[in-house]
Amino acid sequence: WRANVGANVILQMIKTSNPDYDVSANSIIELRQAGVDQSIILAM
């Protein structure tokens, strides 16, 4: 996200990778504060 790869590329990578995400409330807040798009967080 910080490298401005683009939401569509990140979403595709999420779909085709093994997930190892921390989707706790604190982690989601951290991602949103960093500006990560909501669609990416939902895909995670």
All heavy atoms as atom14 arrays in JSON, in Angstrom:
{
  "sequence": "WRANVGANVILQMIKTSNPDYDVSANSIIELRQAGVDQSIILAM",
  "atom14_mask": [
    [1, 1, 1, 1, 1, 1, 1, 1, 1, 1, 1, 1, 1, 1],
    [1, 1, 1, 1, 1, 1, 1, 1, 1, 1, 1, 0, 0, 0],
    [1, 1, 1, 1, 1, 0, 0, 0, 0, 0, 0, 0, 0, 0],
    [1, 1, 1, 1, 1, 1, 1, 1, 0, 0, 0, 0, 0, 0],
    [1, 1, 1, 1, 1, 1, 1, 0, 0, 0, 0, 0, 0, 0],
    [1, 1, 1, 1, 0, 0, 0, 0, 0, 0, 0, 0, 0, 0],
    [1, 1, 1, 1, 1, 0, 0, 0, 0, 0, 0, 0, 0, 0],
    [1, 1, 1, 1, 1, 1, 1, 1, 0, 0, 0, 0, 0, 0],
    [1, 1, 1, 1, 1, 1, 1, 0, 0, 0, 0, 0, 0, 0],
    [1, 1, 1, 1, 1, 1, 1, 1, 0, 0, 0, 0, 0, 0],
    [1, 1, 1, 1, 1, 1, 1, 1, 0, 0, 0, 0, 0, 0],
    [1, 1, 1, 1, 1, 1, 1, 1, 1, 0, 0, 0, 0, 0],
    [1, 1, 1, 1, 1, 1, 1, 1, 0, 0, 0, 0, 0, 0],
    [1, 1, 1, 1, 1, 1, 1, 1, 0, 0, 0, 0, 0, 0],
    [1, 1, 1, 1, 1, 1, 1, 1, 1, 0, 0, 0, 0, 0],
    [1, 1, 1, 1, 1, 1, 1, 0, 0, 0, 0, 0, 0, 0],
    [1, 1, 1, 1, 1, 1, 0, 0, 0, 0, 0, 0, 0, 0],
    [1, 1, 1, 1, 1, 1, 1, 1, 0, 0, 0, 0, 0, 0],
    [1, 1, 1, 1, 1, 1, 1, 0, 0, 0, 0, 0, 0, 0],
    [1, 1, 1, 1, 1, 1, 1, 1, 0, 0, 0, 0, 0, 0],
    [1, 1, 1, 1, 1, 1, 1, 1, 1, 1, 1, 1, 0, 0],
    [1, 1, 1, 1, 1, 1, 1, 1, 0, 0, 0, 0, 0, 0],
    [1, 1, 1, 1, 1, 1, 1, 0, 0, 0, 0, 0, 0, 0],
    [1, 1, 1, 1, 1, 1, 0, 0, 0, 0, 0, 0, 0, 0],
    [1, 1, 1, 1, 1, 0, 0, 0, 0, 0, 0, 0, 0, 0],
    [1, 1, 1, 1, 1, 1, 1, 1, 0, 0, 0, 0, 0, 0],
    [1, 1, 1, 1, 1, 1, 0, 0, 0, 0, 0, 0, 0, 0],
    [1, 1, 1, 1, 1, 1, 1, 1, 0, 0, 0, 0, 0, 0],
    [1, 1, 1, 1, 1, 1, 1, 1, 0, 0, 0, 0, 0, 0],
    [1, 1, 1, 1, 1, 1, 1, 1, 1, 0, 0, 0, 0, 0],
    [1, 1, 1, 1, 1, 1, 1, 1, 0, 0, 0, 0, 0, 0],
    [1, 1, 1, 1, 1, 1, 1, 1, 1, 1, 1, 0, 0, 0],
    [1, 1, 1, 1, 1, 1, 1, 1, 1, 0, 0, 0, 0, 0],
    [1, 1, 1, 1, 1, 0, 0, 0, 0, 0, 0, 0, 0, 0],
    [1, 1, 1, 1, 0, 0, 0, 0, 0, 0, 0, 0, 0, 0],
    [1, 1, 1, 1, 1, 1, 1, 0, 0, 0, 0, 0, 0, 0],
    [1, 1, 1, 1, 1, 1, 1, 1, 0, 0, 0, 0, 0, 0],
    [1, 1, 1, 1, 1, 1, 1, 1, 1, 0, 0, 0, 0, 0],
    [1, 1, 1, 1, 1, 1, 0, 0, 0, 0, 0, 0, 0, 0],
    [1, 1, 1, 1, 1, 1, 1, 1, 0, 0, 0, 0, 0, 0],
    [1, 1, 1, 1, 1, 1, 1, 1, 0, 0, 0, 0, 0, 0],
    [1, 1, 1, 1, 1, 1, 1, 1, 0, 0, 0, 0, 0, 0],
    [1, 1, 1, 1, 1, 0, 0, 0, 0, 0, 0, 0, 0, 0],
    [1, 1, 1, 1, 1, 1, 1, 1, 0, 0, 0, 0, 0, 0]
  ],
  "atom14_positions": [
    [[0.83, -1.2, 0.0], [0.0, 0.0, 0.0], [0.87, 1.26, 0.0], [0.64, 2.18, -0.77], [-0.94, -0.01, 1.21], [-1.85, 1.17, 1.22], [-1.72, 2.3, 1.97], [-3.02, 1.37, 0.42], [-2.74, 3.17, 1.68], [-3.55, 2.62, 0.73], [-3.66, 0.58, -0.54], [-4.69, 3.11, 0.12], [-4.81, 1.08, -1.14], [-5.31, 2.33, -0.8]],
    [[1.88, 1.27, 0.86], [2.77, 2.45, 0.96], [3.6, 2.65, -0.3], [4.04, 3.76, -0.59], [3.65, 2.33, 2.19], [2.84, 2.52, 3.47], [3.7, 2.48, 4.71], [2.89, 2.87, 5.87], [3.04, 2.36, 7.08], [3.98, 1.45, 7.31], [2.26, 2.76, 8.07], [0.0, 0.0, 0.0], [0.0, 0.0, 0.0], [0.0, 0.0, 0.0]],
    [[3.81, 1.56, -1.06], [4.56, 1.65, -2.32], [3.65, 2.05, -3.49], [4.1, 2.09, -4.63], [5.24, 0.32, -2.6], [0.0, 0.0, 0.0], [0.0, 0.0, 0.0], [0.0, 0.0, 0.0], [0.0, 0.0, 0.0], [0.0, 0.0, 0.0], [0.0, 0.0, 0.0], [0.0, 0.0, 0.0], [0.0, 0.0, 0.0], [0.0, 0.0, 0.0]],
    [[2.38, 2.35, -3.18], [1.4, 2.76, -4.2], [1.25, 1.73, -5.32], [1.13, 2.1, -6.48], [1.76, 4.14, -4.78], [1.62, 5.23, -3.76], [0.62, 5.28, -3.05], [2.61, 6.08, -3.66], [0.0, 0.0, 0.0], [0.0, 0.0, 0.0], [0.0, 0.0, 0.0], [0.0, 0.0, 0.0], [0.0, 0.0, 0.0], [0.0, 0.0, 0.0]],
    [[1.25, 0.46, -4.96], [1.08, -0.6, -5.95], [-0.32, -0.55, -6.56], [-0.49, -0.86, -7.73], [1.36, -1.98, -5.28], [0.96, -3.12, -6.19], [2.82, -2.09, -4.91], [0.0, 0.0, 0.0], [0.0, 0.0, 0.0], [0.0, 0.0, 0.0], [0.0, 0.0, 0.0], [0.0, 0.0, 0.0], [0.0, 0.0, 0.0], [0.0, 0.0, 0.0]],
    [[-1.29, -0.15, -5.77], [-2.66, -0.04, -6.27], [-3.56, -1.1, -5.64], [-3.14, -2.25, -5.44], [0.0, 0.0, 0.0], [0.0, 0.0, 0.0], [0.0, 0.0, 0.0], [0.0, 0.0, 0.0], [0.0, 0.0, 0.0], [0.0, 0.0, 0.0], [0.0, 0.0, 0.0], [0.0, 0.0, 0.0], [0.0, 0.0, 0.0], [0.0, 0.0, 0.0]],
    [[-4.78, -0.69, -5.33], [-5.73, -1.57, -4.64], [-6.03, -2.83, -5.44], [-6.09, -3.92, -4.89], [-7.02, -0.8, -4.34], [0.0, 0.0, 0.0], [0.0, 0.0, 0.0], [0.0, 0.0, 0.0], [0.0, 0.0, 0.0], [0.0, 0.0, 0.0], [0.0, 0.0, 0.0], [0.0, 0.0, 0.0], [0.0, 0.0, 0.0], [0.0, 0.0, 0.0]],
    [[-6.19, -2.71, -6.77], [-6.53, -3.88, -7.58], [-5.44, -4.94, -7.55], [-5.72, -6.14, -7.5], [-6.85, -3.48, -9.02], [-8.16, -2.74, -9.13], [-9.02, -2.86, -8.26], [-8.32, -1.95, -10.18], [0.0, 0.0, 0.0], [0.0, 0.0, 0.0], [0.0, 0.0, 0.0], [0.0, 0.0, 0.0], [0.0, 0.0, 0.0], [0.0, 0.0, 0.0]],
    [[-4.19, -4.5, -7.58], [-3.06, -5.44, -7.53], [-3.02, -6.13, -6.17], [-2.87, -7.36, -6.08], [-1.72, -4.72, -7.81], [-0.54, -5.65, -7.59], [-1.71, -4.17, -9.23], [0.0, 0.0, 0.0], [0.0, 0.0, 0.0], [0.0, 0.0, 0.0], [0.0, 0.0, 0.0], [0.0, 0.0, 0.0], [0.0, 0.0, 0.0], [0.0, 0.0, 0.0]],
    [[-3.19, -5.36, -5.1], [-3.18, -5.93, -3.74], [-4.34, -6.91, -3.57], [-4.15, -8.0, -3.03], [-3.2, -4.83, -2.68], [-1.94, -3.95, -2.79], [-3.31, -5.43, -1.27], [-1.96, -2.69, -1.94], [0.0, 0.0, 0.0], [0.0, 0.0, 0.0], [0.0, 0.0, 0.0], [0.0, 0.0, 0.0], [0.0, 0.0, 0.0], [0.0, 0.0, 0.0]],
    [[-5.51, -6.55, -4.05], [-6.68, -7.44, -3.95], [-6.41, -8.76, -4.68], [-6.75, -9.84, -4.18], [-7.93, -6.77, -4.52], [-8.52, -5.66, -3.65], [-9.57, -4.88, -4.43], [-9.1, -6.22, -2.37], [0.0, 0.0, 0.0], [0.0, 0.0, 0.0], [0.0, 0.0, 0.0], [0.0, 0.0, 0.0], [0.0, 0.0, 0.0], [0.0, 0.0, 0.0]],
    [[-5.8, -8.69, -5.85], [-5.49, -9.92, -6.6], [-4.48, -10.77, -5.85], [-4.59, -11.99, -5.8], [-4.97, -9.56, -8.0], [-4.81, -10.76, -8.91], [-6.12, -11.49, -9.16], [-7.19, -10.89, -9.23], [-6.06, -12.8, -9.27], [0.0, 0.0, 0.0], [0.0, 0.0, 0.0], [0.0, 0.0, 0.0], [0.0, 0.0, 0.0], [0.0, 0.0, 0.0]],
    [[-3.49, -10.13, -5.25], [-2.49, -10.87, -4.47], [-3.13, -11.54, -3.26], [-2.77, -12.66, -2.91], [-1.35, -9.92, -4.05], [-0.49, -9.48, -5.21], [0.8, -8.34, -4.71], [1.92, -9.44, -3.87], [0.0, 0.0, 0.0], [0.0, 0.0, 0.0], [0.0, 0.0, 0.0], [0.0, 0.0, 0.0], [0.0, 0.0, 0.0], [0.0, 0.0, 0.0]],
    [[-4.08, -10.85, -2.61], [-4.79, -11.43, -1.47], [-5.55, -12.68, -1.91], [-5.52, -13.71, -1.23], [-5.74, -10.39, -0.83], [-4.92, -9.33, -0.08], [-6.75, -11.06, 0.11], [-5.71, -8.12, 0.38], [0.0, 0.0, 0.0], [0.0, 0.0, 0.0], [0.0, 0.0, 0.0], [0.0, 0.0, 0.0], [0.0, 0.0, 0.0], [0.0, 0.0, 0.0]],
    [[-6.2, -12.6, -3.09], [-6.99, -13.73, -3.59], [-6.12, -14.94, -3.93], [-6.6, -16.07, -3.87], [-7.77, -13.31, -4.85], [-8.94, -12.42, -4.58], [-9.61, -12.05, -5.9], [-10.57, -10.89, -5.7], [-10.9, -10.22, -6.94], [0.0, 0.0, 0.0], [0.0, 0.0, 0.0], [0.0, 0.0, 0.0], [0.0, 0.0, 0.0], [0.0, 0.0, 0.0]],
    [[-4.87, -14.7, -4.33], [-4.04, -15.79, -4.83], [-2.92, -16.19, -3.87], [-2.01, -16.92, -4.25], [-3.43, -15.41, -6.2], [-2.66, -14.21, -6.04], [-4.52, -15.2, -7.24], [0.0, 0.0, 0.0], [0.0, 0.0, 0.0], [0.0, 0.0, 0.0], [0.0, 0.0, 0.0], [0.0, 0.0, 0.0], [0.0, 0.0, 0.0], [0.0, 0.0, 0.0]],
    [[-2.99, -15.72, -2.63], [-1.94, -16.03, -1.65], [-2.53, -16.75, -0.44], [-3.74, -16.72, -0.22], [-1.29, -14.74, -1.15], [-0.72, -14.03, -2.22], [0.0, 0.0, 0.0], [0.0, 0.0, 0.0], [0.0, 0.0, 0.0], [0.0, 0.0, 0.0], [0.0, 0.0, 0.0], [0.0, 0.0, 0.0], [0.0, 0.0, 0.0], [0.0, 0.0, 0.0]],
    [[-1.66, -17.37, 0.32], [-2.07, -17.98, 1.58], [-2.25, -16.86, 2.61], [-1.33, -16.06, 2.8], [-1.03, -18.98, 2.08], [-0.97, -20.21, 1.21], [-1.98, -20.74, 0.81], [0.24, -20.64, 0.91], [0.0, 0.0, 0.0], [0.0, 0.0, 0.0], [0.0, 0.0, 0.0], [0.0, 0.0, 0.0], [0.0, 0.0, 0.0], [0.0, 0.0, 0.0]],
    [[-3.4, -16.8, 3.27], [-3.64, -15.71, 4.23], [-2.99, -15.97, 5.58], [-3.07, -17.07, 6.12], [-5.17, -15.7, 4.36], [-5.59, -17.11, 4.09], [-4.58, -17.66, 3.11], [0.0, 0.0, 0.0], [0.0, 0.0, 0.0], [0.0, 0.0, 0.0], [0.0, 0.0, 0.0], [0.0, 0.0, 0.0], [0.0, 0.0, 0.0], [0.0, 0.0, 0.0]],
    [[-2.32, -14.95, 6.09], [-1.77, -15.0, 7.45], [-1.98, -13.62, 8.06], [-1.04, -12.96, 8.47], [-0.29, -15.39, 7.42], [0.27, -15.57, 8.83], [-0.52, -15.91, 9.75], [1.48, -15.37, 9.02], [0.0, 0.0, 0.0], [0.0, 0.0, 0.0], [0.0, 0.0, 0.0], [0.0, 0.0, 0.0], [0.0, 0.0, 0.0], [0.0, 0.0, 0.0]],
    [[-3.24, -13.17, 8.06], [-3.56, -11.81, 8.49], [-3.98, -11.77, 9.95], [-4.61, -12.7, 10.44], [-4.71, -11.23, 7.65], [-4.44, -11.28, 6.17], [-5.18, -12.1, 5.34], [-3.41, -10.52, 5.62], [-4.92, -12.17, 3.98], [-3.14, -10.58, 4.27], [-3.9, -11.4, 3.46], [-3.63, -11.46, 2.13], [0.0, 0.0, 0.0], [0.0, 0.0, 0.0]],
    [[-3.64, -10.67, 10.58], [-4.17, -10.37, 11.92], [-5.35, -9.44, 11.67], [-5.16, -8.3, 11.25], [-3.09, -9.69, 12.76], [-3.59, -9.28, 14.14], [-4.8, -9.46, 14.42], [-2.78, -8.79, 14.93], [0.0, 0.0, 0.0], [0.0, 0.0, 0.0], [0.0, 0.0, 0.0], [0.0, 0.0, 0.0], [0.0, 0.0, 0.0], [0.0, 0.0, 0.0]],
    [[-6.56, -9.95, 11.87], [-7.75, -9.13, 11.62], [-8.43, -8.73, 12.93], [-9.64, -8.56, 12.98], [-8.73, -9.81, 10.63], [-8.14, -9.85, 9.24], [-9.1, -11.21, 11.1], [0.0, 0.0, 0.0], [0.0, 0.0, 0.0], [0.0, 0.0, 0.0], [0.0, 0.0, 0.0], [0.0, 0.0, 0.0], [0.0, 0.0, 0.0], [0.0, 0.0, 0.0]],
    [[-7.63, -8.58, 13.97], [-8.15, -8.08, 15.24], [-8.52, -6.6, 15.07], [-8.07, -5.93, 14.12], [-7.1, -8.23, 16.34], [-5.99, -7.39, 16.08], [0.0, 0.0, 0.0], [0.0, 0.0, 0.0], [0.0, 0.0, 0.0], [0.0, 0.0, 0.0], [0.0, 0.0, 0.0], [0.0, 0.0, 0.0], [0.0, 0.0, 0.0], [0.0, 0.0, 0.0]],
    [[-9.31, -6.1, 15.98], [-9.74, -4.7, 15.91], [-8.55, -3.75, 15.86], [-8.52, -2.82, 15.04], [-10.63, -4.37, 17.12], [0.0, 0.0, 0.0], [0.0, 0.0, 0.0], [0.0, 0.0, 0.0], [0.0, 0.0, 0.0], [0.0, 0.0, 0.0], [0.0, 0.0, 0.0], [0.0, 0.0, 0.0], [0.0, 0.0, 0.0], [0.0, 0.0, 0.0]],
    [[-7.56, -3.98, 16.7], [-6.39, -3.08, 16.73], [-5.64, -3.07, 15.4], [-5.19, -2.02, 14.94], [-5.43, -3.47, 17.86], [-5.98, -3.09, 19.22], [-6.86, -2.24, 19.34], [-5.47, -3.72, 20.26], [0.0, 0.0, 0.0], [0.0, 0.0, 0.0], [0.0, 0.0, 0.0], [0.0, 0.0, 0.0], [0.0, 0.0, 0.0], [0.0, 0.0, 0.0]],
    [[-5.51, -4.23, 14.79], [-4.81, -4.31, 13.51], [-5.58, -3.62, 12.4], [-5.0, -2.95, 11.55], [-4.55, -5.77, 13.14], [-3.62, -6.32, 14.04], [0.0, 0.0, 0.0], [0.0, 0.0, 0.0], [0.0, 0.0, 0.0], [0.0, 0.0, 0.0], [0.0, 0.0, 0.0], [0.0, 0.0, 0.0], [0.0, 0.0, 0.0], [0.0, 0.0, 0.0]],
    [[-6.9, -3.79, 12.41], [-7.72, -3.13, 11.4], [-7.66, -1.61, 11.56], [-7.55, -0.88, 10.58], [-9.17, -3.68, 11.44], [-9.17, -5.12, 10.93], [-10.11, -2.79, 10.63], [-10.46, -5.86, 11.11], [0.0, 0.0, 0.0], [0.0, 0.0, 0.0], [0.0, 0.0, 0.0], [0.0, 0.0, 0.0], [0.0, 0.0, 0.0], [0.0, 0.0, 0.0]],
    [[-7.7, -1.15, 12.79], [-7.57, 0.29, 13.06], [-6.22, 0.8, 12.55], [-6.15, 1.85, 11.89], [-7.74, 0.59, 14.57], [-9.2, 0.34, 14.97], [-7.3, 2.01, 14.9], [-9.42, 0.26, 16.48], [0.0, 0.0, 0.0], [0.0, 0.0, 0.0], [0.0, 0.0, 0.0], [0.0, 0.0, 0.0], [0.0, 0.0, 0.0], [0.0, 0.0, 0.0]],
    [[-5.17, 0.04, 12.79], [-3.83, 0.42, 12.33], [-3.78, 0.53, 10.8], [-3.22, 1.48, 10.25], [-2.83, -0.63, 12.81], [-1.39, -0.29, 12.58], [-0.46, -1.38, 13.11], [-0.68, -1.87, 14.24], [0.47, -1.75, 12.37], [0.0, 0.0, 0.0], [0.0, 0.0, 0.0], [0.0, 0.0, 0.0], [0.0, 0.0, 0.0], [0.0, 0.0, 0.0]],
    [[-4.39, -0.44, 10.11], [-4.42, -0.41, 8.65], [-5.2, 0.81, 8.14], [-4.77, 1.5, 7.22], [-5.05, -1.69, 8.11], [-4.2, -2.96, 8.24], [-5.05, -4.2, 7.99], [-3.01, -2.93, 7.31], [0.0, 0.0, 0.0], [0.0, 0.0, 0.0], [0.0, 0.0, 0.0], [0.0, 0.0, 0.0], [0.0, 0.0, 0.0], [0.0, 0.0, 0.0]],
    [[-6.35, 1.08, 8.75], [-7.16, 2.24, 8.33], [-6.42, 3.55, 8.58], [-6.46, 4.45, 7.76], [-8.52, 2.25, 9.04], [-9.51, 1.25, 8.49], [-9.85, 1.46, 7.03], [-10.63, 2.66, 6.82], [-10.64, 3.38, 5.7], [-9.92, 3.03, 4.68], [-11.38, 4.44, 5.62], [0.0, 0.0, 0.0], [0.0, 0.0, 0.0], [0.0, 0.0, 0.0]],
    [[-5.72, 3.63, 9.72], [-4.97, 4.85, 10.03], [-3.84, 5.06, 9.03], [-3.44, 6.18, 8.78], [-4.45, 4.81, 11.46], [-5.55, 5.03, 12.49], [-5.1, 4.89, 13.93], [-4.08, 4.26, 14.22], [-5.86, 5.45, 14.84], [0.0, 0.0, 0.0], [0.0, 0.0, 0.0], [0.0, 0.0, 0.0], [0.0, 0.0, 0.0], [0.0, 0.0, 0.0]],
    [[-3.34, 3.96, 8.46], [-2.3, 4.05, 7.43], [-2.89, 4.38, 6.07], [-2.16, 4.56, 5.1], [-1.52, 2.73, 7.37], [0.0, 0.0, 0.0], [0.0, 0.0, 0.0], [0.0, 0.0, 0.0], [0.0, 0.0, 0.0], [0.0, 0.0, 0.0], [0.0, 0.0, 0.0], [0.0, 0.0, 0.0], [0.0, 0.0, 0.0], [0.0, 0.0, 0.0]],
    [[-4.24, 4.44, 5.99], [-4.9, 4.82, 4.76], [-5.26, 3.66, 3.85], [-5.7, 3.88, 2.72], [0.0, 0.0, 0.0], [0.0, 0.0, 0.0], [0.0, 0.0, 0.0], [0.0, 0.0, 0.0], [0.0, 0.0, 0.0], [0.0, 0.0, 0.0], [0.0, 0.0, 0.0], [0.0, 0.0, 0.0], [0.0, 0.0, 0.0], [0.0, 0.0, 0.0]],
    [[-5.08, 2.42, 4.32], [-5.4, 1.25, 3.49], [-6.89, 1.25, 3.17], [-7.72, 1.46, 4.05], [-4.97, -0.06, 4.19], [-5.4, -1.28, 3.39], [-3.46, -0.08, 4.42], [0.0, 0.0, 0.0], [0.0, 0.0, 0.0], [0.0, 0.0, 0.0], [0.0, 0.0, 0.0], [0.0, 0.0, 0.0], [0.0, 0.0, 0.0], [0.0, 0.0, 0.0]],
    [[-7.2, 1.0, 1.9], [-8.57, 1.02, 1.42], [-9.42, -0.05, 2.11], [-8.96, -1.16, 2.37], [-8.57, 0.79, -0.1], [-9.91, 1.1, -0.71], [-10.2, 2.29, -0.9], [-10.66, 0.14, -0.98], [0.0, 0.0, 0.0], [0.0, 0.0, 0.0], [0.0, 0.0, 0.0], [0.0, 0.0, 0.0], [0.0, 0.0, 0.0], [0.0, 0.0, 0.0]],
    [[-10.66, 0.3, 2.39], [-11.58, -0.6, 3.08], [-11.78, -1.91, 2.31], [-11.91, -2.97, 2.91], [-12.92, 0.11, 3.28], [-13.86, -0.63, 4.2], [-15.09, 0.2, 4.53], [-15.22, 1.36, 4.15], [-16.01, -0.39, 5.25], [0.0, 0.0, 0.0], [0.0, 0.0, 0.0], [0.0, 0.0, 0.0], [0.0, 0.0, 0.0], [0.0, 0.0, 0.0]],
    [[-11.78, -1.84, 0.98], [-11.98, -3.06, 0.18], [-10.85, -4.06, 0.41], [-11.07, -5.28, 0.4], [-12.09, -2.72, -1.3], [-10.88, -2.16, -1.78], [0.0, 0.0, 0.0], [0.0, 0.0, 0.0], [0.0, 0.0, 0.0], [0.0, 0.0, 0.0], [0.0, 0.0, 0.0], [0.0, 0.0, 0.0], [0.0, 0.0, 0.0], [0.0, 0.0, 0.0]],
    [[-9.65, -3.56, 0.65], [-8.5, -4.43, 0.91], [-8.65, -5.09, 2.28], [-8.43, -6.29, 2.44], [-7.18, -3.64, 0.8], [-6.96, -3.21, -0.65], [-6.0, -4.45, 1.34], [-5.84, -2.24, -0.85], [0.0, 0.0, 0.0], [0.0, 0.0, 0.0], [0.0, 0.0, 0.0], [0.0, 0.0, 0.0], [0.0, 0.0, 0.0], [0.0, 0.0, 0.0]],
    [[-9.07, -4.31, 3.27], [-9.26, -4.85, 4.62], [-10.37, -5.92, 4.6], [-10.22, -6.99, 5.2], [-9.57, -3.73, 5.62], [-8.34, -2.81, 5.75], [-9.97, -4.3, 6.98], [-8.57, -1.53, 6.52], [0.0, 0.0, 0.0], [0.0, 0.0, 0.0], [0.0, 0.0, 0.0], [0.0, 0.0, 0.0], [0.0, 0.0, 0.0], [0.0, 0.0, 0.0]],
    [[-11.45, -5.66, 3.88], [-12.53, -6.65, 3.76], [-12.04, -7.93, 3.09], [-12.39, -9.03, 3.51], [-13.71, -6.06, 2.98], [-14.53, -5.0, 3.72], [-15.5, -4.31, 2.77], [-15.26, -5.6, 4.9], [0.0, 0.0, 0.0], [0.0, 0.0, 0.0], [0.0, 0.0, 0.0], [0.0, 0.0, 0.0], [0.0, 0.0, 0.0], [0.0, 0.0, 0.0]],
    [[-11.2, -7.79, 2.07], [-10.65, -8.97, 1.39], [-9.75, -9.77, 2.33], [-9.75, -11.0, 2.3], [-9.89, -8.55, 0.15], [0.0, 0.0, 0.0], [0.0, 0.0, 0.0], [0.0, 0.0, 0.0], [0.0, 0.0, 0.0], [0.0, 0.0, 0.0], [0.0, 0.0, 0.0], [0.0, 0.0, 0.0], [0.0, 0.0, 0.0], [0.0, 0.0, 0.0]],
    [[-9.01, -9.07, 3.19], [-8.15, -9.74, 4.18], [-9.0, -10.54, 5.16], [-8.67, -11.68, 5.5], [-7.3, -8.71, 4.94], [-6.23, -8.05, 4.09], [-5.49, -6.61, 4.91], [-4.6, -7.36, 6.26], [0.0, 0.0, 0.0], [0.0, 0.0, 0.0], [0.0, 0.0, 0.0], [0.0, 0.0, 0.0], [0.0, 0.0, 0.0], [0.0, 0.0, 0.0]]
  ]
}
